[in-house]
């Protein structure tokens, strides 16, 4: 999937989480970030730190490919 906006990442994360019956807190615990950070990522906030995005991607099946 080509990532052209933060909304694509946020929607993918939300779909991933819900499909597996996980809460935002579950993902936050796995990634070592706050639940607020997961909420902001899922809401598509463009102020989210990139290192948080990378931590979340590392504990999910989601990938970010740069071309």
N, C-alpha and C. Protein backbone atom coordinates (compact mmCIF):
# COMPACT_ATOMS: atom_id res chain seq x y z
N UNK A 1 0.84 -1.17 0.00
CA UNK A 1 0.00 0.00 0.00
C UNK A 1 0.89 1.24 0.00
N UNK A 2 0.59 2.17 -0.85
CA UNK A 2 1.34 3.42 -0.91
C UNK A 2 0.80 4.37 0.15
N UNK A 3 1.68 4.84 1.01
CA UNK A 3 1.28 5.76 2.07
C UNK A 3 1.45 7.18 1.56
N UNK A 4 0.34 7.84 1.34
CA UNK A 4 0.37 9.21 0.83
C UNK A 4 -0.06 10.21 1.88
N UNK A 5 -0.55 9.72 3.03
CA UNK A 5 -0.99 10.63 4.08
C UNK A 5 -1.02 9.90 5.41
N UNK A 6 -1.06 10.66 6.47
CA UNK A 6 -1.16 10.09 7.81
C UNK A 6 -2.47 9.33 7.98
N UNK A 7 -3.49 9.71 7.24
CA UNK A 7 -4.79 9.04 7.35
C UNK A 7 -4.69 7.57 6.94
N UNK A 8 -3.86 7.28 5.96
CA UNK A 8 -3.70 5.89 5.53
C UNK A 8 -3.08 5.07 6.66
N UNK A 9 -2.08 5.62 7.32
CA UNK A 9 -1.47 4.91 8.45
C UNK A 9 -2.48 4.76 9.58
N UNK A 10 -3.19 5.83 9.89
CA UNK A 10 -4.13 5.78 11.01
C UNK A 10 -5.26 4.79 10.74
N UNK A 11 -5.80 4.78 9.54
CA UNK A 11 -6.86 3.84 9.20
C UNK A 11 -6.36 2.40 9.22
N UNK A 12 -5.16 2.18 8.73
CA UNK A 12 -4.59 0.83 8.72
C UNK A 12 -4.38 0.32 10.14
N UNK A 13 -3.87 1.19 11.01
CA UNK A 13 -3.66 0.78 12.39
C UNK A 13 -4.98 0.46 13.08
N UNK A 14 -5.98 1.29 12.88
CA UNK A 14 -7.28 1.07 13.51
C UNK A 14 -7.90 -0.24 13.01
N UNK A 15 -7.83 -0.50 11.72
CA UNK A 15 -8.35 -1.75 11.16
C UNK A 15 -7.60 -2.95 11.72
N UNK A 16 -6.28 -2.86 11.77
CA UNK A 16 -5.45 -3.93 12.32
C UNK A 16 -5.85 -4.23 13.76
N UNK A 17 -5.94 -3.20 14.56
CA UNK A 17 -6.25 -3.35 15.98
C UNK A 17 -7.63 -3.97 16.19
N UNK A 18 -8.62 -3.45 15.52
CA UNK A 18 -9.99 -3.95 15.69
C UNK A 18 -10.15 -5.38 15.18
N UNK A 19 -9.49 -5.71 14.08
CA UNK A 19 -9.58 -7.06 13.52
C UNK A 19 -9.03 -8.11 14.48
N UNK A 20 -8.12 -7.69 15.34
CA UNK A 20 -7.50 -8.62 16.29
C UNK A 20 -8.07 -8.51 17.69
N UNK A 21 -9.10 -7.67 17.85
CA UNK A 21 -9.75 -7.51 19.14
C UNK A 21 -8.85 -6.84 20.18
N UNK A 22 -7.96 -5.99 19.73
CA UNK A 22 -7.04 -5.30 20.63
C UNK A 22 -7.55 -3.91 20.96
N UNK A 23 -7.19 -3.42 22.13
CA UNK A 23 -7.51 -2.05 22.50
C UNK A 23 -6.34 -1.14 22.16
N UNK A 24 -6.59 0.14 22.22
CA UNK A 24 -5.50 1.09 22.03
C UNK A 24 -4.44 0.87 23.11
N UNK A 25 -4.87 0.54 24.34
CA UNK A 25 -3.92 0.30 25.41
C UNK A 25 -3.07 -0.93 25.12
N UNK A 26 -3.67 -1.97 24.53
CA UNK A 26 -2.90 -3.17 24.17
C UNK A 26 -1.77 -2.82 23.21
N UNK A 27 -2.09 -2.06 22.17
CA UNK A 27 -1.07 -1.67 21.19
C UNK A 27 -0.02 -0.78 21.86
N UNK A 28 -0.48 0.13 22.69
CA UNK A 28 0.45 1.03 23.39
C UNK A 28 1.42 0.24 24.25
N UNK A 29 0.90 -0.75 24.99
CA UNK A 29 1.76 -1.58 25.84
C UNK A 29 2.79 -2.35 25.02
N UNK A 30 2.35 -2.91 23.92
CA UNK A 30 3.26 -3.67 23.05
C UNK A 30 4.35 -2.77 22.47
N UNK A 31 3.98 -1.54 22.10
CA UNK A 31 4.92 -0.64 21.45
C UNK A 31 5.74 0.19 22.44
N UNK A 32 5.33 0.17 23.70
CA UNK A 32 6.05 0.96 24.69
C UNK A 32 5.80 2.45 24.57
N UNK A 33 4.57 2.79 24.18
CA UNK A 33 4.17 4.19 24.06
C UNK A 33 2.88 4.39 24.86
N UNK A 34 2.43 5.62 24.96
CA UNK A 34 1.20 5.89 25.72
C UNK A 34 -0.04 5.57 24.88
N UNK A 35 -1.15 5.33 25.58
CA UNK A 35 -2.42 5.12 24.90
C UNK A 35 -2.80 6.39 24.16
N UNK A 36 -2.46 7.54 24.72
CA UNK A 36 -2.75 8.82 24.07
C UNK A 36 -2.05 8.90 22.72
N UNK A 37 -0.82 8.40 22.64
CA UNK A 37 -0.09 8.42 21.37
C UNK A 37 -0.80 7.56 20.32
N UNK A 38 -1.30 6.40 20.74
CA UNK A 38 -2.04 5.53 19.81
C UNK A 38 -3.31 6.22 19.36
N UNK A 39 -4.00 6.85 20.31
CA UNK A 39 -5.22 7.57 19.97
C UNK A 39 -4.93 8.67 18.96
N UNK A 40 -3.88 9.44 19.19
CA UNK A 40 -3.53 10.52 18.28
C UNK A 40 -3.15 9.98 16.90
N UNK A 41 -2.46 8.86 16.88
CA UNK A 41 -2.09 8.24 15.60
C UNK A 41 -3.34 7.79 14.86
N UNK A 42 -4.26 7.15 15.57
CA UNK A 42 -5.50 6.69 14.93
C UNK A 42 -6.39 7.85 14.50
N UNK A 43 -6.27 8.99 15.15
CA UNK A 43 -7.05 10.17 14.77
C UNK A 43 -6.41 10.94 13.63
N UNK A 44 -5.21 10.52 13.23
CA UNK A 44 -4.55 11.15 12.10
C UNK A 44 -3.89 12.48 12.44
N UNK A 45 -3.54 12.66 13.70
CA UNK A 45 -2.86 13.91 14.09
C UNK A 45 -1.51 13.97 13.39
N UNK A 46 -1.26 15.07 12.74
CA UNK A 46 -0.01 15.18 11.99
C UNK A 46 1.16 15.65 12.85
N UNK A 47 0.94 15.76 14.15
CA UNK A 47 2.02 16.15 15.06
C UNK A 47 2.65 14.95 15.76
N UNK A 48 2.21 13.74 15.43
CA UNK A 48 2.74 12.53 16.05
C UNK A 48 4.21 12.36 15.66
N UNK A 49 5.02 11.99 16.63
CA UNK A 49 6.45 11.81 16.35
C UNK A 49 6.67 10.56 15.51
N UNK A 50 7.57 10.68 14.54
CA UNK A 50 7.84 9.57 13.62
C UNK A 50 8.36 8.35 14.38
N UNK A 51 9.13 8.56 15.44
CA UNK A 51 9.65 7.42 16.20
C UNK A 51 8.52 6.61 16.83
N UNK A 52 7.41 7.26 17.16
CA UNK A 52 6.25 6.54 17.69
C UNK A 52 5.63 5.69 16.60
N UNK A 53 5.52 6.25 15.40
CA UNK A 53 5.00 5.49 14.27
C UNK A 53 5.86 4.25 14.05
N UNK A 54 7.17 4.40 14.08
CA UNK A 54 8.07 3.27 13.88
C UNK A 54 7.92 2.22 14.97
N UNK A 55 7.73 2.62 16.22
CA UNK A 55 7.53 1.67 17.31
C UNK A 55 6.25 0.88 17.12
N UNK A 56 5.20 1.56 16.69
CA UNK A 56 3.91 0.88 16.47
C UNK A 56 4.03 -0.09 15.30
N UNK A 57 4.66 0.33 14.22
CA UNK A 57 4.83 -0.56 13.06
C UNK A 57 5.64 -1.79 13.44
N UNK A 58 6.58 -1.63 14.35
CA UNK A 58 7.45 -2.75 14.75
C UNK A 58 6.69 -3.85 15.48
N UNK A 59 5.57 -3.52 16.11
CA UNK A 59 4.82 -4.55 16.87
C UNK A 59 3.54 -4.99 16.16
N UNK A 60 3.36 -4.52 14.95
CA UNK A 60 2.19 -4.94 14.15
C UNK A 60 2.68 -5.57 12.86
N UNK A 61 1.76 -6.06 12.08
CA UNK A 61 2.09 -6.61 10.76
C UNK A 61 2.13 -5.52 9.69
N UNK A 62 2.02 -4.28 10.10
CA UNK A 62 1.97 -3.16 9.16
C UNK A 62 3.39 -2.75 8.78
N UNK A 63 3.55 -2.32 7.54
CA UNK A 63 4.85 -1.92 7.04
C UNK A 63 4.78 -0.56 6.37
N UNK A 64 5.87 0.15 6.46
CA UNK A 64 6.02 1.42 5.76
C UNK A 64 7.17 1.24 4.79
N UNK A 65 6.90 1.38 3.51
CA UNK A 65 7.92 1.21 2.49
C UNK A 65 8.22 2.55 1.85
N UNK A 66 9.50 2.90 1.84
CA UNK A 66 9.91 4.15 1.21
C UNK A 66 10.50 3.83 -0.16
N UNK A 67 10.11 4.63 -1.13
CA UNK A 67 10.61 4.41 -2.49
C UNK A 67 11.29 5.64 -3.00
